[in-house]
Amino acid sequence: MKKSLLALAMLASFAGVASAQSSVTLFGIVDAGVARLTAKTTTGSKSVTGMVNSGLNSSRLGFRGVEDLGGGLRAAFHIEGQLFNDSGDGRGTGLPFDFQRRSTVSLLGGFGEVRLGRDYTPTFLNVSAYDVFGTNSVGTSLATSMLVGLGVANQGNTRQNNSVGYFLPGNLGGFTGQFMFGFAENTSGTRKANQFIGTRLGYAAGPLSVHGAYGESQAAVAANDIKYASIGASYDLGAVKLMGYFAREKADSGFRVEAAQIGASVPLGQGELRTSFARYDIKTTALRDADWNKFAIGYGYNLSKRTQLYSTYARVSNKGGQVKTVTDNGLGFTGVTILGGKTATGLEAGIRHIF
């Protein structure tokens, strides 16, 4: 009997050590709302109203874990998939749930972190970090896909498959750094389609944060190779947090677009007021007059630390023949022809819950 009790005690002790040395966490966000978009078309002003998902943060479901290997060494994983909670789908209509938002395994220590798998690119992170609306809502920046619609094949600047990443350790007095190389798998010949290389370096301590990023993605056709560059900064004054960035996308075909944005977030009552203004400048000679501006303002009211009610209004002003509209997840214009040089607006309201 005593031996049995001793064995049970030892087993419980080992289980406690294992539990302390490793952990797995289920996490996610559920975000949904209603939006109304308006634009000028060849048949007059048109509006579309409907439910949208991910108006403040992308709805998601994920698992992450870490194991203490001893000697300051740790292993970790992070798998995360998109949720379209307006329809219950995974990645989109009729598509199953997957882990394409992020799927990585890491080794961490005093040297920093080595991360392998599908992950966010340094160039995408640098723009989204300094946009007060992040990468969601009618107010979000368009600086991560500026060449889309200009005759350049869309490049995967947001996430990169088959990537090897390295992150500097977090004890460098506020200096941070990230490097990534994405392999072009299953390709032959001299063109390595989908290959990516990029870096992000900067400083973040106290109220100040400033980072710069650069990346290059290779396509099947050399004319569609793209170079990304951006620099962003933020400063928290307490009563207001200011942030902004300058970004550029350039294709080897000669197409180039530059963006400059300034934004602010202001604690107000039990929430936060957010606003931004951005200018997008096409540098290609034939399209120099097709620039556009975007203004956005919104407010988020915190019901708790994890739940927020929000509303955002945005307005796009096109020049020349430009036909940019305000878009939102799950809602847009189809079956109509947008008039060039006009304005477009969007208004949304929703709720976001983090778990």
Protein backbone atom coordinates (compact mmCIF):
# COMPACT_ATOMS: atom_id res chain seq x y z
CA MET A 1 0.00 0.00 0.00
CA LYS A 2 2.80 2.37 0.94
CA LYS A 3 4.61 1.53 -2.31
CA SER A 4 1.45 2.27 -4.30
CA LEU A 5 0.99 5.61 -2.56
CA LEU A 6 4.66 6.46 -3.18
CA ALA A 7 4.30 5.57 -6.88
CA LEU A 8 1.21 7.75 -7.20
CA ALA A 9 2.98 10.63 -5.46
CA MET A 10 5.96 10.32 -7.82
CA LEU A 11 3.65 10.18 -10.85
CA ALA A 12 1.80 13.30 -9.68
CA SER A 13 5.14 15.02 -9.14
CA PHE A 14 6.34 14.16 -12.65
CA ALA A 15 3.01 15.33 -14.11
CA GLY A 16 3.34 18.62 -12.26
CA VAL A 17 6.86 19.14 -13.62
CA ALA A 18 5.72 18.34 -17.17
CA SER A 19 2.80 20.72 -16.79
CA ALA A 20 5.10 23.49 -15.57
CA GLN A 21 7.58 22.94 -18.37
CA SER A 22 5.13 22.87 -21.26
CA SER A 23 1.79 24.47 -22.08
CA VAL A 24 -0.74 24.64 -24.90
CA THR A 25 -3.22 27.52 -25.25
CA LEU A 26 -6.41 27.75 -27.28
CA PHE A 27 -7.07 31.33 -28.43
CA GLY A 28 -9.13 33.27 -30.90
CA ILE A 29 -11.18 36.29 -31.94
CA VAL A 30 -14.78 36.48 -33.09
CA ASP A 31 -15.63 39.77 -34.83
CA ALA A 32 -18.75 40.65 -36.83
CA GLY A 33 -20.73 43.73 -37.81
CA VAL A 34 -22.91 45.46 -40.38
CA ALA A 35 -21.59 47.86 -43.03
CA ARG A 36 -22.91 50.15 -45.77
CA LEU A 37 -20.72 51.04 -48.75
CA THR A 38 -21.47 53.74 -51.34
CA ALA A 39 -19.82 54.54 -54.69
CA LYS A 40 -20.50 56.42 -57.92
CA THR A 41 -21.15 54.18 -60.93
CA THR A 42 -22.04 54.64 -64.59
CA THR A 43 -25.69 54.15 -63.63
CA GLY A 44 -25.68 56.53 -60.68
CA SER A 45 -24.80 56.34 -57.00
CA LYS A 46 -24.99 52.79 -55.67
CA SER A 47 -24.99 51.44 -52.12
CA VAL A 48 -24.67 47.96 -50.68
CA THR A 49 -25.49 47.00 -47.08
CA GLY A 50 -24.78 43.72 -45.36
CA MET A 51 -23.03 41.77 -42.64
CA VAL A 52 -19.24 41.75 -42.53
CA ASN A 53 -16.71 39.82 -40.49
CA SER A 54 -13.41 40.99 -38.98
CA GLY A 55 -14.25 44.70 -38.94
CA LEU A 56 -11.79 45.47 -36.14
CA ASN A 57 -9.60 42.36 -35.90
CA SER A 58 -9.51 39.25 -38.06
CA SER A 59 -11.71 36.47 -36.67
CA ARG A 60 -9.52 33.46 -35.97
CA LEU A 61 -9.00 30.25 -34.06
CA GLY A 62 -5.59 28.99 -33.07
CA PHE A 63 -3.37 26.94 -30.81
CA ARG A 64 0.04 27.89 -29.46
CA GLY A 65 2.37 26.14 -27.09
CA VAL A 66 5.83 26.23 -25.58
CA GLU A 67 8.07 23.62 -23.98
CA ASP A 68 10.98 24.35 -21.68
CA LEU A 69 13.92 22.26 -22.88
CA GLY A 70 16.26 23.38 -20.10
CA GLY A 71 19.39 25.49 -20.22
CA GLY A 72 17.41 28.50 -21.42
CA LEU A 73 16.23 26.70 -24.55
CA ARG A 74 12.55 26.47 -25.50
CA ALA A 75 10.54 24.96 -28.34
CA ALA A 76 7.28 26.57 -29.48
CA PHE A 77 4.55 26.25 -32.08
CA HIS A 78 1.79 28.53 -33.38
CA ILE A 79 -1.01 27.38 -35.70
CA GLU A 80 -3.84 29.77 -36.54
CA GLY A 81 -6.71 29.77 -39.03
CA GLN A 82 -9.21 32.28 -40.39
CA LEU A 83 -12.87 32.27 -39.35
CA PHE A 84 -15.66 33.76 -41.46
CA ASN A 85 -18.20 33.90 -38.67
CA ASP A 86 -20.79 35.69 -40.81
CA SER A 87 -21.22 32.41 -42.73
CA GLY A 88 -19.49 29.83 -40.55
CA ASP A 89 -16.91 29.03 -43.24
CA GLY A 90 -13.19 28.66 -42.75
CA ARG A 91 -11.17 30.60 -45.30
CA GLY A 92 -14.20 31.66 -47.32
CA THR A 93 -17.43 30.51 -48.88
CA GLY A 94 -17.48 26.74 -49.04
CA LEU A 95 -13.81 26.39 -48.03
CA PRO A 96 -12.76 24.28 -45.05
CA PHE A 97 -10.97 25.56 -41.97
CA ASP A 98 -7.19 25.52 -42.23
CA PHE A 99 -4.16 27.11 -40.57
CA GLN A 100 -3.12 29.49 -43.33
CA ARG A 101 -3.04 32.57 -41.12
CA ARG A 102 0.09 31.19 -39.47
CA SER A 103 1.65 27.77 -39.07
CA THR A 104 5.11 27.82 -37.48
CA VAL A 105 7.45 25.93 -35.18
CA SER A 106 10.26 27.72 -33.33
CA LEU A 107 13.40 27.26 -31.27
CA LEU A 108 14.09 30.05 -28.76
CA GLY A 109 16.98 30.90 -26.50
CA GLY A 110 19.50 33.56 -25.59
CA PHE A 111 20.36 33.77 -29.29
CA GLY A 112 16.82 34.88 -30.21
CA GLU A 113 14.29 32.84 -32.17
CA VAL A 114 14.50 30.69 -35.28
CA ARG A 115 11.03 30.21 -36.78
CA LEU A 116 9.99 27.92 -39.65
CA GLY A 117 6.75 27.64 -41.61
CA ARG A 118 4.08 29.96 -43.01
CA ASP A 119 4.38 33.36 -41.36
CA TYR A 120 3.78 37.10 -41.77
CA THR A 121 6.41 38.92 -43.83
CA PRO A 122 8.48 41.68 -42.20
CA THR A 123 7.24 44.19 -44.79
CA PHE A 124 3.58 43.51 -44.01
CA LEU A 125 4.16 43.72 -40.26
CA ASN A 126 5.86 47.08 -40.58
CA VAL A 127 2.91 48.73 -42.35
CA SER A 128 0.21 47.15 -40.18
CA ALA A 129 2.03 48.05 -36.95
CA TYR A 130 1.78 51.78 -37.69
CA ASP A 131 -1.75 51.92 -39.07
CA VAL A 132 -4.18 52.90 -36.30
CA PHE A 133 -6.83 50.69 -37.96
CA GLY A 134 -4.45 47.77 -38.47
CA THR A 135 -5.34 45.72 -41.52
CA ASN A 136 -9.09 45.50 -40.99
CA SER A 137 -12.27 47.58 -41.22
CA VAL A 138 -13.39 50.15 -43.75
CA GLY A 139 -10.66 52.41 -42.36
CA THR A 140 -7.68 50.17 -42.99
CA SER A 141 -4.67 51.23 -45.00
CA LEU A 142 -4.27 50.09 -48.59
CA ALA A 143 -0.48 50.20 -48.44
CA THR A 144 0.03 46.42 -48.50
CA SER A 145 -1.43 45.89 -51.98
CA MET A 146 -0.96 49.16 -53.86
CA LEU A 147 0.10 47.56 -57.15
CA VAL A 148 -3.05 45.45 -57.45
CA GLY A 149 -5.08 46.64 -60.44
CA LEU A 150 -2.08 48.26 -62.14
CA GLY A 151 -1.21 45.36 -64.41
CA VAL A 152 1.11 43.68 -61.89
CA ALA A 153 0.35 40.15 -60.72
CA ASN A 154 -0.55 40.20 -57.03
CA GLN A 155 2.35 39.12 -54.83
CA GLY A 156 1.97 37.40 -51.46
CA ASN A 157 3.34 40.24 -49.39
CA THR A 158 1.16 39.49 -46.35
CA ARG A 159 2.33 35.96 -45.56
CA GLN A 160 5.06 33.73 -46.91
CA ASN A 161 5.03 29.97 -47.32
CA ASN A 162 8.12 27.82 -46.74
CA SER A 163 9.85 30.54 -44.73
CA VAL A 164 12.80 30.52 -42.38
CA GLY A 165 12.80 33.47 -40.00
CA TYR A 166 15.17 34.80 -37.37
CA PHE A 167 14.29 37.26 -34.58
CA LEU A 168 16.84 39.05 -32.43
CA PRO A 169 16.63 38.40 -28.66
CA GLY A 170 14.48 40.75 -26.63
CA ASN A 171 17.23 41.98 -24.29
CA LEU A 172 18.99 44.44 -26.61
CA GLY A 173 17.83 47.65 -24.93
CA GLY A 174 14.82 48.16 -27.18
CA PHE A 175 16.46 47.25 -30.49
CA THR A 176 14.55 44.65 -32.49
CA GLY A 177 15.20 42.82 -35.72
CA GLN A 178 13.58 40.23 -37.96
CA PHE A 179 14.91 38.46 -41.05
CA MET A 180 13.04 36.12 -43.41
CA PHE A 181 13.81 33.95 -46.39
CA GLY A 182 10.98 32.17 -48.18
CA PHE A 183 11.84 29.26 -50.44
CA ALA A 184 10.39 28.95 -53.93
CA GLU A 185 9.48 25.29 -53.75
CA ASN A 186 8.66 23.04 -56.69
CA THR A 187 10.03 25.41 -59.32
CA SER A 188 12.48 24.79 -62.11
CA GLY A 189 14.55 26.96 -64.42
CA THR A 190 16.09 30.30 -63.57
CA ARG A 191 12.90 31.93 -62.22
CA LYS A 192 12.13 31.09 -58.59
CA ALA A 193 8.47 32.10 -58.37
CA ASN A 194 7.21 32.97 -54.87
CA GLN A 195 10.68 33.34 -53.39
CA PHE A 196 10.87 36.12 -50.79
CA ILE A 197 13.63 37.77 -48.79
CA GLY A 198 13.06 40.58 -46.31
CA THR A 199 14.02 42.24 -43.04
CA ARG A 200 12.62 44.59 -40.41
CA LEU A 201 14.83 46.52 -37.98
CA GLY A 202 14.03 49.15 -35.40
CA TYR A 203 13.73 50.40 -31.84
CA ALA A 204 10.83 50.27 -29.39
CA ALA A 205 11.11 51.42 -25.78
CA GLY A 206 8.98 53.68 -23.63
CA PRO A 207 6.70 55.93 -25.67
CA LEU A 208 8.78 55.68 -28.89
CA SER A 209 8.69 53.06 -31.62
CA VAL A 210 10.36 53.31 -35.04
CA HIS A 211 11.03 50.55 -37.60
CA GLY A 212 12.08 50.19 -41.20
CA ALA A 213 11.49 47.22 -43.50
CA TYR A 214 12.61 46.04 -46.92
CA GLY A 215 11.68 42.99 -48.96
CA GLU A 216 11.81 41.48 -52.43
CA SER A 217 9.46 38.89 -53.92
CA GLN A 218 10.16 37.01 -57.13
CA ALA A 219 7.48 36.01 -59.64
CA ALA A 220 7.27 33.60 -62.55
CA VAL A 221 7.75 36.59 -64.88
CA ALA A 222 10.56 39.05 -64.12
CA ALA A 223 8.35 42.08 -64.81
CA ASN A 224 6.20 41.10 -61.81
CA ASP A 225 9.07 40.98 -59.31
CA ILE A 226 8.31 43.48 -56.52
CA LYS A 227 10.44 45.42 -54.06
CA TYR A 228 8.79 46.66 -50.85
CA ALA A 229 10.12 49.37 -48.54
CA SER A 230 8.61 51.22 -45.58
CA ILE A 231 9.46 53.19 -42.48
CA GLY A 232 7.05 53.83 -39.63
CA ALA A 233 7.02 55.45 -36.21
CA SER A 234 4.73 56.07 -33.26
CA TYR A 235 4.96 58.16 -30.10
CA ASP A 236 2.64 57.91 -27.11
CA LEU A 237 2.04 61.28 -25.47
CA GLY A 238 -0.44 59.83 -23.01
CA ALA A 239 -3.36 62.01 -24.06
CA VAL A 240 -2.84 60.95 -27.69
CA LYS A 241 -0.74 58.38 -29.54
CA LEU A 242 0.58 59.54 -32.89
CA MET A 243 1.69 57.14 -35.61
CA GLY A 244 2.46 57.12 -39.29
CA TYR A 245 4.47 55.56 -42.08
CA PHE A 246 5.85 55.97 -45.56
CA ALA A 247 5.65 52.92 -47.86
CA ARG A 248 6.60 52.09 -51.44
CA GLU A 249 5.93 49.20 -53.79
CA LYS A 250 7.88 48.95 -57.04
CA ALA A 251 7.59 46.33 -59.78
CA ASP A 252 10.40 45.56 -62.20
CA SER A 253 7.99 46.44 -65.01
CA GLY A 254 8.29 50.08 -63.88
CA PHE A 255 5.04 50.47 -61.91
CA ARG A 256 5.60 52.25 -58.60
CA VAL A 257 3.22 53.48 -55.91
CA GLU A 258 4.07 55.40 -52.75
CA ALA A 259 1.90 55.96 -49.68
CA ALA A 260 2.14 58.27 -46.69
CA GLN A 261 -0.20 58.01 -43.73
CA ILE A 262 -0.57 59.75 -40.39
CA GLY A 263 -2.90 58.58 -37.67
CA ALA A 264 -3.81 59.09 -34.03
CA SER A 265 -5.56 57.22 -31.24
CA VAL A 266 -7.04 59.15 -28.33
CA PRO A 267 -8.31 57.57 -25.09
CA LEU A 268 -11.86 58.87 -24.75
CA GLY A 269 -14.23 57.75 -22.02
CA GLN A 270 -14.32 53.98 -21.76
CA GLY A 271 -12.83 53.58 -25.21
CA GLU A 272 -10.63 55.02 -27.92
CA LEU A 273 -11.08 57.46 -30.79
CA ARG A 274 -9.10 56.52 -33.92
CA THR A 275 -8.45 58.57 -37.04
CA SER A 276 -6.09 58.53 -40.03
CA PHE A 277 -5.39 60.22 -43.35
CA ALA A 278 -3.41 58.61 -46.18
CA ARG A 279 -2.26 59.72 -49.63
CA TYR A 280 -1.43 57.24 -52.40
CA ASP A 281 0.74 58.52 -55.22
CA ILE A 282 1.24 56.56 -58.47
CA LYS A 283 4.68 57.37 -59.85
CA THR A 284 4.23 55.62 -63.21
CA THR A 285 4.22 58.35 -65.91
CA ALA A 286 1.09 57.17 -67.71
CA LEU A 287 -0.91 57.08 -64.45
CA ARG A 288 0.46 60.10 -62.60
CA ASP A 289 -2.97 61.71 -62.33
CA ALA A 290 -4.67 58.58 -60.92
CA ASP A 291 -3.79 59.15 -57.25
CA TRP A 292 -6.18 58.78 -54.33
CA ASN A 293 -6.59 59.81 -50.69
CA LYS A 294 -8.32 58.07 -47.80
CA PHE A 295 -9.70 59.49 -44.55
CA ALA A 296 -11.06 57.38 -41.71
CA ILE A 297 -12.40 57.97 -38.21
CA GLY A 298 -13.79 55.52 -35.69
CA TYR A 299 -14.51 54.85 -32.04
CA GLY A 300 -14.23 51.68 -29.98
CA TYR A 301 -16.13 51.32 -26.69
CA ASN A 302 -14.73 48.73 -24.29
CA LEU A 303 -17.38 46.64 -22.57
CA SER A 304 -14.52 44.71 -20.96
CA LYS A 305 -10.83 43.98 -21.57
CA ARG A 306 -11.84 41.40 -24.19
CA THR A 307 -15.04 42.79 -25.73
CA GLN A 308 -15.39 46.01 -27.72
CA LEU A 309 -18.19 47.70 -29.64
CA TYR A 310 -16.85 49.74 -32.56
CA SER A 311 -17.90 51.96 -35.44
CA THR A 312 -15.80 53.34 -38.32
CA TYR A 313 -16.43 55.74 -41.21
CA ALA A 314 -14.11 56.03 -44.23
CA ARG A 315 -14.00 58.15 -47.38
CA VAL A 316 -11.85 57.60 -50.48
CA SER A 317 -11.26 60.52 -52.87
CA ASN A 318 -10.08 59.48 -56.33
CA LYS A 319 -8.26 61.62 -58.88
CA GLY A 320 -8.08 61.28 -62.64
CA GLY A 321 -9.43 57.91 -63.72
CA GLN A 322 -8.80 56.15 -60.41
CA VAL A 323 -11.68 53.89 -59.25
CA LYS A 324 -10.75 52.90 -55.69
CA THR A 325 -13.69 52.17 -53.37
CA VAL A 326 -14.11 51.52 -49.66
CA THR A 327 -14.24 47.75 -49.16
CA ASP A 328 -14.91 45.48 -46.22
CA ASN A 329 -14.59 41.77 -45.48
CA GLY A 330 -17.48 39.99 -47.14
CA LEU A 331 -18.96 43.11 -48.76
CA GLY A 332 -18.19 44.96 -52.01
CA PHE A 333 -19.51 46.07 -55.38
CA THR A 334 -20.26 43.56 -58.13
CA GLY A 335 -22.05 43.89 -61.44
CA VAL A 336 -21.47 47.65 -61.70
CA THR A 337 -18.84 49.90 -63.32
CA ILE A 338 -17.23 52.40 -60.95
CA LEU A 339 -16.75 55.92 -62.30
CA GLY A 340 -13.21 57.28 -62.19
CA GLY A 341 -12.26 60.36 -60.20
CA LYS A 342 -15.19 60.15 -57.77
CA THR A 343 -15.56 59.60 -54.03
CA ALA A 344 -16.61 56.43 -52.22
CA THR A 345 -17.61 55.96 -48.58
CA GLY A 346 -18.11 53.22 -46.03
CA LEU A 347 -19.68 53.00 -42.58
CA GLU A 348 -19.62 49.99 -40.29
CA ALA A 349 -20.52 49.02 -36.72
CA GLY A 350 -19.75 45.77 -34.98
CA ILE A 351 -18.58 43.82 -31.95
CA ARG A 352 -15.29 42.03 -31.31
CA HIS A 353 -14.64 39.44 -28.62
CA ILE A 354 -11.22 37.99 -27.77
CA PHE A 355 -10.80 34.65 -26.00
